[in-house]
Each structure stands twice: as structure tokens, then as C-alpha cells.
Amino acid sequence: MPRPLRFVLLVLLLPALAPTYPNPARAEVTVPFQLAEPGKVRIAVYDLLGREVAILVDEVFEAGSYEVAWAEASALAAGVYLVQFEAGSTSRTQRLTLVR
């Protein structure tokens, strides 16, 4: 029984990228994330060819929960994009679909 408890505690201590919403999106997109400790965060958006199309965040944050609003999503063509979150040694990627 202690093993699952240790796993849960470990997960709570790691930086986390919550689901991006709305998804699919037509215009503004919100990217929520959490940090267990202060650190540098970088959130970038890539097309499926691996080209960086936007940098949403590239700065240091205190521990806590945050939401980044990306209003410029409407300027991109409809399609599938990848939202990449990097904080410390943690890297997470999510798919984001833009529709018109």
C-alpha cells in the first residue's frame, strides 16, 4: 500500500502541463500549468514539420498554478500543432487542433 502513496507524492512534486483548452480551438487558447518549485518555464508551439511557430512563455515563475492565454492562435492555419512545455528536467508535449 505505501508504494502507490509514494507514487502520488512524486507526481505532485513534478511540474505539470494541464490539458490545453479549448481543443479543438478556433481563436484564443489557454495553456494551464503548475510548478512545485520556482524555475524557468518554456512553452512553445510547433507545426507537424517541427517548425517553431510561437513561443508562449520563456521566463522564470514562482511555484504555483498558471494559465497562459494565446490570442494569436487565430493567425495560424487550421491544422494540428504541438504544444511543448519545458520546466527544469521535465518536458511534456500535447496536441492542439486549430479549426476555422
Protein backbone atom coordinates (compact mmCIF):
# COMPACT_ATOMS: atom_id res chain seq x y z
CA MET A 1 0.00 0.00 0.00
CA PRO A 2 2.78 2.58 0.67
CA ARG A 3 4.07 2.22 -2.89
CA PRO A 4 1.04 3.93 -4.55
CA LEU A 5 1.21 6.70 -1.94
CA ARG A 6 4.87 7.37 -2.81
CA PHE A 7 3.95 7.47 -6.49
CA VAL A 8 1.20 10.03 -5.87
CA LEU A 9 3.54 12.23 -3.83
CA LEU A 10 6.19 12.06 -6.58
CA VAL A 11 3.67 13.13 -9.22
CA LEU A 12 2.59 16.12 -7.13
CA LEU A 13 6.21 17.30 -6.88
CA LEU A 14 6.81 17.39 -10.64
CA PRO A 15 5.96 20.32 -12.93
CA ALA A 16 2.76 19.60 -14.83
CA LEU A 17 1.08 20.69 -18.05
CA ALA A 18 -2.71 20.51 -17.78
CA PRO A 19 -4.85 19.94 -20.89
CA THR A 20 -4.89 22.91 -23.25
CA TYR A 21 -8.38 24.30 -23.84
CA PRO A 22 -10.46 24.64 -25.83
CA ASN A 23 -9.24 21.81 -28.02
CA PRO A 24 -10.13 21.94 -30.84
CA ALA A 25 -9.90 25.73 -30.86
CA ARG A 26 -10.99 28.49 -33.23
CA ALA A 27 -9.25 31.50 -31.70
CA GLU A 28 -7.74 32.05 -28.24
CA VAL A 29 -6.20 29.03 -26.50
CA THR A 30 -5.43 28.68 -22.78
CA VAL A 31 -2.42 26.64 -21.64
CA PRO A 32 -2.56 25.84 -17.89
CA PHE A 33 0.47 24.54 -15.99
CA GLN A 34 1.71 24.01 -12.44
CA LEU A 35 5.11 24.26 -10.79
CA ALA A 36 6.02 22.63 -7.48
CA GLU A 37 9.05 24.89 -7.12
CA PRO A 38 10.34 28.09 -8.76
CA GLY A 39 12.03 27.66 -12.11
CA LYS A 40 12.32 28.58 -15.75
CA VAL A 41 9.39 27.60 -17.96
CA ARG A 42 9.34 27.49 -21.73
CA ILE A 43 6.16 26.80 -23.68
CA ALA A 44 6.45 26.72 -27.44
CA VAL A 45 4.15 25.69 -30.30
CA TYR A 46 5.35 23.64 -33.27
CA ASP A 47 3.75 22.59 -36.52
CA LEU A 48 3.90 18.92 -37.53
CA LEU A 49 7.04 19.57 -39.58
CA GLY A 50 8.83 20.54 -36.37
CA ARG A 51 8.96 24.26 -37.11
CA GLU A 52 8.54 26.55 -34.11
CA VAL A 53 5.55 28.80 -34.82
CA ALA A 54 5.20 30.55 -31.44
CA ILE A 55 6.87 30.95 -28.06
CA LEU A 56 4.19 31.49 -25.43
CA VAL A 57 6.42 31.65 -22.35
CA ASP A 58 10.17 31.74 -21.75
CA GLU A 59 10.72 33.07 -18.24
CA VAL A 60 11.11 32.20 -14.57
CA PHE A 61 7.99 31.53 -12.47
CA GLU A 62 7.44 31.02 -8.75
CA ALA A 63 5.82 27.77 -7.58
CA GLY A 64 2.08 27.72 -8.24
CA SER A 65 -0.61 27.31 -10.87
CA TYR A 66 -0.68 29.45 -14.01
CA GLU A 67 -2.62 29.90 -17.23
CA VAL A 68 -1.15 31.37 -20.41
CA ALA A 69 -3.65 32.84 -22.89
CA TRP A 70 -2.57 32.60 -26.53
CA ALA A 71 -4.70 35.02 -28.56
CA GLU A 72 -2.52 34.77 -31.68
CA ALA A 73 -3.58 31.16 -32.32
CA SER A 74 -6.19 32.51 -34.73
CA ALA A 75 -3.39 33.76 -37.01
CA LEU A 76 -2.25 30.19 -37.79
CA ALA A 77 -3.71 27.93 -40.44
CA ALA A 78 -6.16 25.24 -39.40
CA GLY A 79 -4.43 22.00 -38.51
CA VAL A 80 -2.68 20.07 -35.77
CA TYR A 81 0.07 21.67 -33.69
CA LEU A 82 2.23 20.51 -30.78
CA VAL A 83 2.42 22.48 -27.53
CA GLN A 84 5.70 21.72 -25.76
CA PHE A 85 6.17 22.53 -22.06
CA GLU A 86 9.67 22.52 -20.52
CA ALA A 87 10.39 23.18 -16.84
CA GLY A 88 13.66 22.02 -15.32
CA SER A 89 14.26 18.47 -16.50
CA THR A 90 10.54 17.93 -17.27
CA SER A 91 9.28 18.08 -20.84
CA ARG A 92 5.67 17.44 -21.88
CA THR A 93 4.00 17.70 -25.29
CA GLN A 94 0.31 17.95 -26.19
CA ARG A 95 -1.55 18.02 -29.47
CA LEU A 96 -3.64 21.09 -30.27
CA THR A 97 -6.09 21.23 -33.15
CA LEU A 98 -6.98 24.58 -34.69
CA VAL A 99 -10.15 24.77 -36.79
CA ARG A 100 -11.75 27.56 -38.79
